[in-house]
All heavy atoms as atom14 arrays in JSON, in Angstrom:
{
  "sequence": "LYLAESAHALEHAEKVSDLLVLDGPLYPVELLNWRERDAELRELAEEL",
  "atom14_mask": [
    [1, 1, 1, 1, 1, 1, 1, 1, 0, 0, 0, 0, 0, 0],
    [1, 1, 1, 1, 1, 1, 1, 1, 1, 1, 1, 1, 0, 0],
    [1, 1, 1, 1, 1, 1, 1, 1, 0, 0, 0, 0, 0, 0],
    [1, 1, 1, 1, 1, 0, 0, 0, 0, 0, 0, 0, 0, 0],
    [1, 1, 1, 1, 1, 1, 1, 1, 1, 0, 0, 0, 0, 0],
    [1, 1, 1, 1, 1, 1, 0, 0, 0, 0, 0, 0, 0, 0],
    [1, 1, 1, 1, 1, 0, 0, 0, 0, 0, 0, 0, 0, 0],
    [1, 1, 1, 1, 1, 1, 1, 1, 1, 1, 0, 0, 0, 0],
    [1, 1, 1, 1, 1, 0, 0, 0, 0, 0, 0, 0, 0, 0],
    [1, 1, 1, 1, 1, 1, 1, 1, 0, 0, 0, 0, 0, 0],
    [1, 1, 1, 1, 1, 1, 1, 1, 1, 0, 0, 0, 0, 0],
    [1, 1, 1, 1, 1, 1, 1, 1, 1, 1, 0, 0, 0, 0],
    [1, 1, 1, 1, 1, 0, 0, 0, 0, 0, 0, 0, 0, 0],
    [1, 1, 1, 1, 1, 1, 1, 1, 1, 0, 0, 0, 0, 0],
    [1, 1, 1, 1, 1, 1, 1, 1, 1, 0, 0, 0, 0, 0],
    [1, 1, 1, 1, 1, 1, 1, 0, 0, 0, 0, 0, 0, 0],
    [1, 1, 1, 1, 1, 1, 0, 0, 0, 0, 0, 0, 0, 0],
    [1, 1, 1, 1, 1, 1, 1, 1, 0, 0, 0, 0, 0, 0],
    [1, 1, 1, 1, 1, 1, 1, 1, 0, 0, 0, 0, 0, 0],
    [1, 1, 1, 1, 1, 1, 1, 1, 0, 0, 0, 0, 0, 0],
    [1, 1, 1, 1, 1, 1, 1, 0, 0, 0, 0, 0, 0, 0],
    [1, 1, 1, 1, 1, 1, 1, 1, 0, 0, 0, 0, 0, 0],
    [1, 1, 1, 1, 1, 1, 1, 1, 0, 0, 0, 0, 0, 0],
    [1, 1, 1, 1, 0, 0, 0, 0, 0, 0, 0, 0, 0, 0],
    [1, 1, 1, 1, 1, 1, 1, 0, 0, 0, 0, 0, 0, 0],
    [1, 1, 1, 1, 1, 1, 1, 1, 0, 0, 0, 0, 0, 0],
    [1, 1, 1, 1, 1, 1, 1, 1, 1, 1, 1, 1, 0, 0],
    [1, 1, 1, 1, 1, 1, 1, 0, 0, 0, 0, 0, 0, 0],
    [1, 1, 1, 1, 1, 1, 1, 0, 0, 0, 0, 0, 0, 0],
    [1, 1, 1, 1, 1, 1, 1, 1, 1, 0, 0, 0, 0, 0],
    [1, 1, 1, 1, 1, 1, 1, 1, 0, 0, 0, 0, 0, 0],
    [1, 1, 1, 1, 1, 1, 1, 1, 0, 0, 0, 0, 0, 0],
    [1, 1, 1, 1, 1, 1, 1, 1, 0, 0, 0, 0, 0, 0],
    [1, 1, 1, 1, 1, 1, 1, 1, 1, 1, 1, 1, 1, 1],
    [1, 1, 1, 1, 1, 1, 1, 1, 1, 1, 1, 0, 0, 0],
    [1, 1, 1, 1, 1, 1, 1, 1, 1, 0, 0, 0, 0, 0],
    [1, 1, 1, 1, 1, 1, 1, 1, 1, 1, 1, 0, 0, 0],
    [1, 1, 1, 1, 1, 1, 1, 1, 0, 0, 0, 0, 0, 0],
    [1, 1, 1, 1, 1, 0, 0, 0, 0, 0, 0, 0, 0, 0],
    [1, 1, 1, 1, 1, 1, 1, 1, 1, 0, 0, 0, 0, 0],
    [1, 1, 1, 1, 1, 1, 1, 1, 0, 0, 0, 0, 0, 0],
    [1, 1, 1, 1, 1, 1, 1, 1, 1, 1, 1, 0, 0, 0],
    [1, 1, 1, 1, 1, 1, 1, 1, 1, 0, 0, 0, 0, 0],
    [1, 1, 1, 1, 1, 1, 1, 1, 0, 0, 0, 0, 0, 0],
    [1, 1, 1, 1, 1, 0, 0, 0, 0, 0, 0, 0, 0, 0],
    [1, 1, 1, 1, 1, 1, 1, 1, 1, 0, 0, 0, 0, 0],
    [1, 1, 1, 1, 1, 1, 1, 1, 1, 0, 0, 0, 0, 0],
    [1, 1, 1, 1, 1, 1, 1, 1, 0, 0, 0, 0, 0, 0]
  ],
  "atom14_positions": [
    [[1.63, 1.23, -8.57], [1.42, -0.21, -8.1], [0.52, -0.26, -6.87], [-0.47, -1.04, -6.92], [2.79, -0.82, -7.82], [2.76, -2.33, -7.4], [2.53, -3.21, -8.61], [3.98, -2.61, -6.67], [0.0, 0.0, 0.0], [0.0, 0.0, 0.0], [0.0, 0.0, 0.0], [0.0, 0.0, 0.0], [0.0, 0.0, 0.0], [0.0, 0.0, 0.0]],
    [[0.86, 0.49, -5.85], [0.09, 0.39, -4.59], [-1.31, 0.99, -4.63], [-2.2, 0.59, -4.0], [0.91, 0.95, -3.42], [2.16, 0.05, -3.08], [3.38, 0.6, -3.11], [1.95, -1.23, -2.74], [4.48, -0.15, -2.77], [3.02, -2.04, -2.39], [4.3, -1.47, -2.41], [5.39, -2.31, -2.01], [0.0, 0.0, 0.0], [0.0, 0.0, 0.0]],
    [[-1.46, 2.15, -5.47], [-2.72, 2.74, -5.56], [-3.73, 1.82, -6.3], [-4.82, 1.6, -5.91], [-2.67, 4.07, -6.23], [-4.02, 4.77, -6.52], [-4.78, 4.9, -5.18], [-3.8, 6.09, -7.19], [0.0, 0.0, 0.0], [0.0, 0.0, 0.0], [0.0, 0.0, 0.0], [0.0, 0.0, 0.0], [0.0, 0.0, 0.0], [0.0, 0.0, 0.0]],
    [[-3.25, 1.22, -7.4], [-4.05, 0.32, -8.19], [-4.48, -0.9, -7.32], [-5.62, -1.27, -7.33], [-3.33, -0.24, -9.43], [0.0, 0.0, 0.0], [0.0, 0.0, 0.0], [0.0, 0.0, 0.0], [0.0, 0.0, 0.0], [0.0, 0.0, 0.0], [0.0, 0.0, 0.0], [0.0, 0.0, 0.0], [0.0, 0.0, 0.0], [0.0, 0.0, 0.0]],
    [[-3.5, -1.49, -6.6], [-3.79, -2.62, -5.74], [-4.78, -2.34, -4.68], [-5.8, -3.05, -4.44], [-2.5, -3.22, -5.13], [-2.73, -4.41, -4.24], [-1.45, -4.87, -3.63], [-0.98, -4.31, -2.62], [-0.81, -5.82, -4.17], [0.0, 0.0, 0.0], [0.0, 0.0, 0.0], [0.0, 0.0, 0.0], [0.0, 0.0, 0.0], [0.0, 0.0, 0.0]],
    [[-4.43, -1.3, -3.85], [-5.3, -1.01, -2.71], [-6.71, -0.52, -3.11], [-7.71, -0.92, -2.42], [-4.66, 0.04, -1.8], [-4.41, 1.24, -2.53], [0.0, 0.0, 0.0], [0.0, 0.0, 0.0], [0.0, 0.0, 0.0], [0.0, 0.0, 0.0], [0.0, 0.0, 0.0], [0.0, 0.0, 0.0], [0.0, 0.0, 0.0], [0.0, 0.0, 0.0]],
    [[-6.79, 0.28, -4.18], [-8.09, 0.81, -4.6], [-8.95, -0.34, -5.12], [-10.18, -0.42, -4.88], [-7.92, 1.84, -5.71], [0.0, 0.0, 0.0], [0.0, 0.0, 0.0], [0.0, 0.0, 0.0], [0.0, 0.0, 0.0], [0.0, 0.0, 0.0], [0.0, 0.0, 0.0], [0.0, 0.0, 0.0], [0.0, 0.0, 0.0], [0.0, 0.0, 0.0]],
    [[-8.3, -1.26, -5.85], [-9.11, -2.42, -6.37], [-9.56, -3.32, -5.26], [-10.68, -3.83, -5.3], [-8.2, -3.22, -7.39], [-9.01, -4.08, -8.36], [-9.78, -3.52, -9.37], [-9.13, -5.37, -8.42], [-10.31, -4.49, -10.05], [-10.03, -5.62, -9.46], [0.0, 0.0, 0.0], [0.0, 0.0, 0.0], [0.0, 0.0, 0.0], [0.0, 0.0, 0.0]],
    [[-8.74, -3.51, -4.27], [-9.12, -4.41, -3.13], [-10.24, -3.74, -2.4], [-11.23, -4.5, -1.98], [-7.92, -4.58, -2.22], [0.0, 0.0, 0.0], [0.0, 0.0, 0.0], [0.0, 0.0, 0.0], [0.0, 0.0, 0.0], [0.0, 0.0, 0.0], [0.0, 0.0, 0.0], [0.0, 0.0, 0.0], [0.0, 0.0, 0.0], [0.0, 0.0, 0.0]],
    [[-10.23, -2.48, -2.11], [-11.33, -1.78, -1.48], [-12.6, -1.84, -2.31], [-13.69, -2.02, -1.72], [-10.96, -0.4, -1.14], [-9.93, -0.16, 0.0], [-9.43, 1.3, 0.01], [-10.54, -0.58, 1.31], [0.0, 0.0, 0.0], [0.0, 0.0, 0.0], [0.0, 0.0, 0.0], [0.0, 0.0, 0.0], [0.0, 0.0, 0.0], [0.0, 0.0, 0.0]],
    [[-12.47, -1.65, -3.61], [-13.65, -1.63, -4.48], [-14.39, -2.91, -4.47], [-15.65, -2.99, -4.53], [-13.15, -1.34, -5.86], [-14.25, -1.29, -6.97], [-15.11, -0.02, -6.93], [-14.8, 0.84, -6.12], [-16.07, 0.07, -7.7], [0.0, 0.0, 0.0], [0.0, 0.0, 0.0], [0.0, 0.0, 0.0], [0.0, 0.0, 0.0], [0.0, 0.0, 0.0]],
    [[-13.61, -4.08, -4.36], [-14.3, -5.39, -4.44], [-14.18, -6.14, -3.14], [-14.44, -7.37, -3.23], [-13.67, -6.12, -5.61], [-13.72, -5.48, -6.94], [-14.89, -5.49, -7.61], [-12.86, -4.77, -7.62], [-14.71, -4.81, -8.79], [-13.47, -4.32, -8.79], [0.0, 0.0, 0.0], [0.0, 0.0, 0.0], [0.0, 0.0, 0.0], [0.0, 0.0, 0.0]],
    [[-13.91, -5.5, -2.06], [-13.76, -6.18, -0.77], [-15.04, -7.0, -0.39], [-14.99, -8.15, 0.12], [-13.46, -5.21, 0.32], [0.0, 0.0, 0.0], [0.0, 0.0, 0.0], [0.0, 0.0, 0.0], [0.0, 0.0, 0.0], [0.0, 0.0, 0.0], [0.0, 0.0, 0.0], [0.0, 0.0, 0.0], [0.0, 0.0, 0.0], [0.0, 0.0, 0.0]],
    [[-16.21, -6.42, -0.7], [-17.46, -7.08, -0.32], [-17.7, -8.4, -1.02], [-18.54, -9.19, -0.56], [-18.68, -6.13, -0.54], [-18.63, -4.85, 0.31], [-18.84, -5.13, 1.79], [-19.56, -6.13, 2.09], [-18.34, -4.35, 2.6], [0.0, 0.0, 0.0], [0.0, 0.0, 0.0], [0.0, 0.0, 0.0], [0.0, 0.0, 0.0], [0.0, 0.0, 0.0]],
    [[-16.97, -8.58, -2.17], [-17.16, -9.87, -2.84], [-16.4, -11.04, -2.25], [-16.59, -12.17, -2.63], [-16.77, -9.74, -4.36], [-17.71, -8.68, -5.04], [-17.21, -8.5, -6.51], [-18.08, -7.46, -7.17], [-17.66, -7.2, -8.57], [0.0, 0.0, 0.0], [0.0, 0.0, 0.0], [0.0, 0.0, 0.0], [0.0, 0.0, 0.0], [0.0, 0.0, 0.0]],
    [[-15.53, -10.68, -1.29], [-14.73, -11.76, -0.61], [-15.49, -12.22, 0.6], [-15.75, -11.47, 1.5], [-13.34, -11.2, -0.19], [-12.53, -12.3, 0.45], [-12.61, -10.67, -1.42], [0.0, 0.0, 0.0], [0.0, 0.0, 0.0], [0.0, 0.0, 0.0], [0.0, 0.0, 0.0], [0.0, 0.0, 0.0], [0.0, 0.0, 0.0], [0.0, 0.0, 0.0]],
    [[-15.88, -13.51, 0.67], [-16.6, -14.07, 1.82], [-15.77, -14.87, 2.71], [-16.18, -15.09, 3.91], [-17.72, -14.87, 1.25], [-17.34, -15.93, 0.38], [0.0, 0.0, 0.0], [0.0, 0.0, 0.0], [0.0, 0.0, 0.0], [0.0, 0.0, 0.0], [0.0, 0.0, 0.0], [0.0, 0.0, 0.0], [0.0, 0.0, 0.0], [0.0, 0.0, 0.0]],
    [[-14.63, -15.41, 2.25], [-13.85, -16.39, 3.1], [-12.48, -15.93, 3.36], [-11.94, -15.9, 4.5], [-13.85, -17.76, 2.45], [-15.21, -18.42, 2.53], [-15.89, -18.36, 3.5], [-15.64, -18.91, 1.36], [0.0, 0.0, 0.0], [0.0, 0.0, 0.0], [0.0, 0.0, 0.0], [0.0, 0.0, 0.0], [0.0, 0.0, 0.0], [0.0, 0.0, 0.0]],
    [[-11.68, -15.61, 2.33], [-10.27, -15.22, 2.49], [-9.78, -14.47, 1.25], [-10.03, -14.79, 0.15], [-9.42, -16.56, 2.6], [-7.91, -16.41, 2.63], [-7.45, -15.64, 3.86], [-7.27, -17.78, 2.56], [0.0, 0.0, 0.0], [0.0, 0.0, 0.0], [0.0, 0.0, 0.0], [0.0, 0.0, 0.0], [0.0, 0.0, 0.0], [0.0, 0.0, 0.0]],
    [[-9.07, -13.35, 1.54], [-8.39, -12.59, 0.5], [-6.93, -12.66, 0.7], [-6.48, -12.41, 1.78], [-8.83, -11.14, 0.46], [-8.09, -10.21, -0.53], [-8.32, -10.64, -1.94], [-8.48, -8.73, -0.32], [0.0, 0.0, 0.0], [0.0, 0.0, 0.0], [0.0, 0.0, 0.0], [0.0, 0.0, 0.0], [0.0, 0.0, 0.0], [0.0, 0.0, 0.0]],
    [[-6.19, -12.95, -0.37], [-4.76, -13.06, -0.29], [-4.14, -12.07, -1.27], [-4.35, -12.12, -2.52], [-4.26, -14.49, -0.66], [-2.72, -14.55, -0.38], [-4.96, -15.57, 0.13], [0.0, 0.0, 0.0], [0.0, 0.0, 0.0], [0.0, 0.0, 0.0], [0.0, 0.0, 0.0], [0.0, 0.0, 0.0], [0.0, 0.0, 0.0], [0.0, 0.0, 0.0]],
    [[-3.39, -11.06, -0.76], [-2.63, -10.18, -1.66], [-1.41, -10.81, -2.14], [-0.72, -11.53, -1.39], [-2.24, -8.89, -0.85], [-3.36, -8.09, -0.15], [-2.79, -6.87, 0.55], [-4.5, -7.71, -1.18], [0.0, 0.0, 0.0], [0.0, 0.0, 0.0], [0.0, 0.0, 0.0], [0.0, 0.0, 0.0], [0.0, 0.0, 0.0], [0.0, 0.0, 0.0]],
    [[-1.03, -10.64, -3.43], [0.21, -11.12, -3.96], [1.25, -10.18, -3.52], [1.53, -9.22, -4.22], [0.06, -11.25, -5.44], [1.37, -11.9, -6.1], [2.32, -12.13, -5.38], [1.21, -12.23, -7.25], [0.0, 0.0, 0.0], [0.0, 0.0, 0.0], [0.0, 0.0, 0.0], [0.0, 0.0, 0.0], [0.0, 0.0, 0.0], [0.0, 0.0, 0.0]],
    [[1.9, -10.4, -2.47], [2.93, -9.53, -1.93], [2.7, -9.24, -0.45], [1.79, -9.89, 0.21], [0.0, 0.0, 0.0], [0.0, 0.0, 0.0], [0.0, 0.0, 0.0], [0.0, 0.0, 0.0], [0.0, 0.0, 0.0], [0.0, 0.0, 0.0], [0.0, 0.0, 0.0], [0.0, 0.0, 0.0], [0.0, 0.0, 0.0], [0.0, 0.0, 0.0]],
    [[3.35, -8.27, 0.08], [3.2, -7.93, 1.54], [1.82, -7.44, 1.88], [1.09, -6.95, 1.03], [4.27, -6.85, 1.78], [5.21, -6.94, 0.59], [4.41, -7.47, -0.55], [0.0, 0.0, 0.0], [0.0, 0.0, 0.0], [0.0, 0.0, 0.0], [0.0, 0.0, 0.0], [0.0, 0.0, 0.0], [0.0, 0.0, 0.0], [0.0, 0.0, 0.0]],
    [[1.49, -7.47, 3.18], [0.2, -7.0, 3.67], [0.17, -5.47, 3.58], [-0.93, -4.93, 3.35], [0.1, -7.43, 5.11], [-1.2, -7.04, 5.91], [-2.45, -7.69, 5.22], [-1.05, -7.42, 7.4], [0.0, 0.0, 0.0], [0.0, 0.0, 0.0], [0.0, 0.0, 0.0], [0.0, 0.0, 0.0], [0.0, 0.0, 0.0], [0.0, 0.0, 0.0]],
    [[1.28, -4.82, 3.78], [1.3, -3.38, 3.72], [2.32, -2.89, 2.66], [3.14, -3.67, 2.22], [1.69, -2.82, 5.08], [0.79, -3.05, 6.22], [1.03, -3.94, 7.21], [-0.44, -2.31, 6.24], [0.14, -4.15, 8.22], [-1.36, -2.47, 7.31], [-1.03, -3.42, 8.28], [-1.97, -3.63, 9.25], [0.0, 0.0, 0.0], [0.0, 0.0, 0.0]],
    [[2.13, -1.7, 2.14], [3.05, -1.15, 1.06], [4.48, -0.88, 1.54], [4.77, 0.24, 1.91], [2.27, 0.11, 0.57], [1.57, 0.59, 1.78], [1.2, -0.63, 2.59], [0.0, 0.0, 0.0], [0.0, 0.0, 0.0], [0.0, 0.0, 0.0], [0.0, 0.0, 0.0], [0.0, 0.0, 0.0], [0.0, 0.0, 0.0], [0.0, 0.0, 0.0]],
    [[5.28, -1.9, 1.54], [6.61, -1.88, 2.13], [7.46, -0.66, 1.55], [8.07, 0.09, 2.32], [7.32, -3.19, 2.0], [8.76, -3.07, 2.44], [6.64, -4.24, 2.71], [0.0, 0.0, 0.0], [0.0, 0.0, 0.0], [0.0, 0.0, 0.0], [0.0, 0.0, 0.0], [0.0, 0.0, 0.0], [0.0, 0.0, 0.0], [0.0, 0.0, 0.0]],
    [[7.4, -0.46, 0.23], [8.24, 0.59, -0.39], [7.86, 1.95, 0.16], [8.73, 2.82, 0.48], [8.06, 0.54, -1.92], [8.79, -0.69, -2.62], [8.71, -0.55, -4.16], [9.15, 0.5, -4.6], [8.28, -1.51, -4.69], [0.0, 0.0, 0.0], [0.0, 0.0, 0.0], [0.0, 0.0, 0.0], [0.0, 0.0, 0.0], [0.0, 0.0, 0.0]],
    [[6.54, 2.22, 0.26], [6.15, 3.52, 0.78], [6.55, 3.65, 2.25], [6.97, 4.79, 2.67], [4.63, 3.7, 0.65], [4.0, 3.6, -0.71], [2.53, 3.97, -0.7], [4.77, 4.48, -1.74], [0.0, 0.0, 0.0], [0.0, 0.0, 0.0], [0.0, 0.0, 0.0], [0.0, 0.0, 0.0], [0.0, 0.0, 0.0], [0.0, 0.0, 0.0]],
    [[6.44, 2.61, 3.02], [6.86, 2.7, 4.43], [8.35, 2.91, 4.58], [8.82, 3.54, 5.47], [6.4, 1.45, 5.19], [4.87, 1.17, 5.25], [4.57, -0.08, 6.04], [4.14, 2.38, 5.79], [0.0, 0.0, 0.0], [0.0, 0.0, 0.0], [0.0, 0.0, 0.0], [0.0, 0.0, 0.0], [0.0, 0.0, 0.0], [0.0, 0.0, 0.0]],
    [[9.07, 2.35, 3.55], [10.53, 2.43, 3.61], [10.97, 3.87, 3.36], [12.09, 4.3, 3.79], [11.16, 1.56, 2.52], [11.66, 0.28, 3.05], [12.14, 0.23, 4.18], [11.63, -0.82, 2.3], [0.0, 0.0, 0.0], [0.0, 0.0, 0.0], [0.0, 0.0, 0.0], [0.0, 0.0, 0.0], [0.0, 0.0, 0.0], [0.0, 0.0, 0.0]],
    [[10.16, 4.7, 2.71], [10.6, 6.05, 2.44], [10.97, 6.87, 3.69], [11.83, 7.69, 3.71], [9.48, 6.8, 1.7], [9.28, 6.42, 0.26], [10.07, 5.44, -0.4], [8.33, 6.8, -0.66], [9.6, 5.3, -1.7], [8.55, 6.13, -1.88], [7.3, 7.73, -0.61], [7.7, 6.3, -2.98], [6.44, 7.94, -1.68], [6.69, 7.19, -2.9]],
    [[10.28, 6.53, 4.74], [10.52, 7.26, 6.01], [11.89, 6.78, 6.62], [12.38, 7.54, 7.55], [9.4, 6.88, 7.05], [8.05, 7.26, 6.51], [7.0, 6.97, 7.54], [6.69, 8.13, 8.37], [5.9, 8.1, 9.43], [5.43, 7.0, 9.79], [5.59, 9.23, 10.07], [0.0, 0.0, 0.0], [0.0, 0.0, 0.0], [0.0, 0.0, 0.0]],
    [[12.44, 5.72, 6.15], [13.79, 5.32, 6.69], [14.95, 5.73, 5.72], [16.1, 5.46, 5.97], [13.77, 3.75, 6.81], [12.6, 3.15, 7.58], [12.6, 3.62, 9.0], [13.7, 3.73, 9.63], [11.46, 3.84, 9.61], [0.0, 0.0, 0.0], [0.0, 0.0, 0.0], [0.0, 0.0, 0.0], [0.0, 0.0, 0.0], [0.0, 0.0, 0.0]],
    [[14.58, 6.37, 4.64], [15.54, 6.72, 3.62], [16.08, 8.11, 3.82], [16.07, 8.68, 4.92], [14.9, 6.52, 2.2], [14.47, 5.13, 1.9], [15.51, 4.21, 1.49], [16.07, 4.57, 0.23], [15.54, 4.3, -0.93], [14.41, 3.63, -1.02], [16.09, 4.7, -2.11], [0.0, 0.0, 0.0], [0.0, 0.0, 0.0], [0.0, 0.0, 0.0]],
    [[16.51, 8.82, 2.76], [17.12, 10.12, 2.91], [16.04, 11.17, 3.08], [14.84, 10.95, 3.07], [18.07, 10.42, 1.7], [17.29, 10.52, 0.37], [16.06, 10.69, 0.39], [17.95, 10.5, -0.69], [0.0, 0.0, 0.0], [0.0, 0.0, 0.0], [0.0, 0.0, 0.0], [0.0, 0.0, 0.0], [0.0, 0.0, 0.0], [0.0, 0.0, 0.0]],
    [[16.52, 12.43, 3.2], [15.63, 13.54, 3.58], [14.56, 13.72, 2.53], [13.4, 14.1, 2.93], [16.46, 14.85, 3.82], [0.0, 0.0, 0.0], [0.0, 0.0, 0.0], [0.0, 0.0, 0.0], [0.0, 0.0, 0.0], [0.0, 0.0, 0.0], [0.0, 0.0, 0.0], [0.0, 0.0, 0.0], [0.0, 0.0, 0.0], [0.0, 0.0, 0.0]],
    [[14.89, 13.73, 1.24], [13.9, 13.95, 0.19], [12.75, 12.88, 0.21], [11.6, 13.3, 0.14], [14.55, 13.94, -1.13], [13.63, 14.42, -2.24], [14.33, 14.67, -3.62], [15.5, 14.19, -3.78], [13.83, 15.47, -4.41], [0.0, 0.0, 0.0], [0.0, 0.0, 0.0], [0.0, 0.0, 0.0], [0.0, 0.0, 0.0], [0.0, 0.0, 0.0]],
    [[13.03, 11.68, 0.43], [11.99, 10.66, 0.52], [11.25, 10.75, 1.83], [9.97, 10.51, 1.86], [12.58, 9.26, 0.36], [12.98, 8.83, -1.02], [13.65, 7.49, -1.08], [11.73, 8.81, -1.99], [0.0, 0.0, 0.0], [0.0, 0.0, 0.0], [0.0, 0.0, 0.0], [0.0, 0.0, 0.0], [0.0, 0.0, 0.0], [0.0, 0.0, 0.0]],
    [[11.9, 11.11, 2.93], [11.16, 11.29, 4.17], [10.19, 12.46, 4.02], [9.08, 12.35, 4.57], [12.13, 11.59, 5.3], [12.91, 10.32, 5.85], [13.49, 10.61, 7.17], [14.46, 11.67, 7.15], [15.76, 11.52, 6.89], [16.26, 10.29, 6.53], [16.6, 12.56, 6.82], [0.0, 0.0, 0.0], [0.0, 0.0, 0.0], [0.0, 0.0, 0.0]],
    [[10.56, 13.53, 3.4], [9.68, 14.64, 3.17], [8.57, 14.2, 2.28], [7.37, 14.57, 2.5], [10.48, 15.74, 2.55], [9.63, 17.07, 2.41], [10.43, 18.28, 1.8], [11.69, 18.13, 1.83], [9.81, 19.2, 1.36], [0.0, 0.0, 0.0], [0.0, 0.0, 0.0], [0.0, 0.0, 0.0], [0.0, 0.0, 0.0], [0.0, 0.0, 0.0]],
    [[8.85, 13.43, 1.28], [7.8, 13.04, 0.36], [6.77, 12.12, 1.1], [5.53, 12.16, 0.79], [8.38, 12.3, -0.81], [7.45, 11.71, -1.81], [6.63, 12.82, -2.58], [8.19, 10.84, -2.85], [0.0, 0.0, 0.0], [0.0, 0.0, 0.0], [0.0, 0.0, 0.0], [0.0, 0.0, 0.0], [0.0, 0.0, 0.0], [0.0, 0.0, 0.0]],
    [[7.24, 11.39, 2.06], [6.38, 10.5, 2.77], [5.26, 11.21, 3.55], [4.24, 10.59, 3.86], [7.19, 9.59, 3.73], [0.0, 0.0, 0.0], [0.0, 0.0, 0.0], [0.0, 0.0, 0.0], [0.0, 0.0, 0.0], [0.0, 0.0, 0.0], [0.0, 0.0, 0.0], [0.0, 0.0, 0.0], [0.0, 0.0, 0.0], [0.0, 0.0, 0.0]],
    [[5.48, 12.46, 3.8], [4.47, 13.28, 4.54], [3.47, 13.9, 3.59], [2.51, 14.49, 4.04], [5.16, 14.38, 5.33], [6.23, 13.79, 6.36], [5.64, 12.8, 7.26], [4.53, 12.94, 7.73], [6.35, 11.79, 7.49], [0.0, 0.0, 0.0], [0.0, 0.0, 0.0], [0.0, 0.0, 0.0], [0.0, 0.0, 0.0], [0.0, 0.0, 0.0]],
    [[3.68, 13.8, 2.26], [2.7, 14.31, 1.31], [1.41, 13.53, 1.35], [1.32, 12.4, 1.77], [3.32, 14.27, -0.1], [4.56, 15.01, -0.37], [4.17, 16.48, -0.84], [3.01, 16.75, -1.09], [5.15, 17.31, -1.01], [0.0, 0.0, 0.0], [0.0, 0.0, 0.0], [0.0, 0.0, 0.0], [0.0, 0.0, 0.0], [0.0, 0.0, 0.0]],
    [[0.4, 14.23, 0.96], [-1.0, 13.68, 1.04], [-1.15, 12.35, 0.24], [-1.7, 11.42, 0.65], [-2.01, 14.75, 0.53], [-3.42, 14.26, 0.5], [-3.93, 13.81, 1.81], [-4.4, 15.32, -0.1], [0.0, 0.0, 0.0], [0.0, 0.0, 0.0], [0.0, 0.0, 0.0], [0.0, 0.0, 0.0], [0.0, 0.0, 0.0], [0.0, 0.0, 0.0]]
  ]
}
């Protein structure tokens, strides 16, 4: 979900001249949440 959204936004950013609105949060909340979860997800959050 987040790779498709962010990559598409970056690919077409130059076409936006006035305002871009993401459908959902400004940042990828689920990925950021991994650092607050258990050890396995915290470790995964450090992956490339």
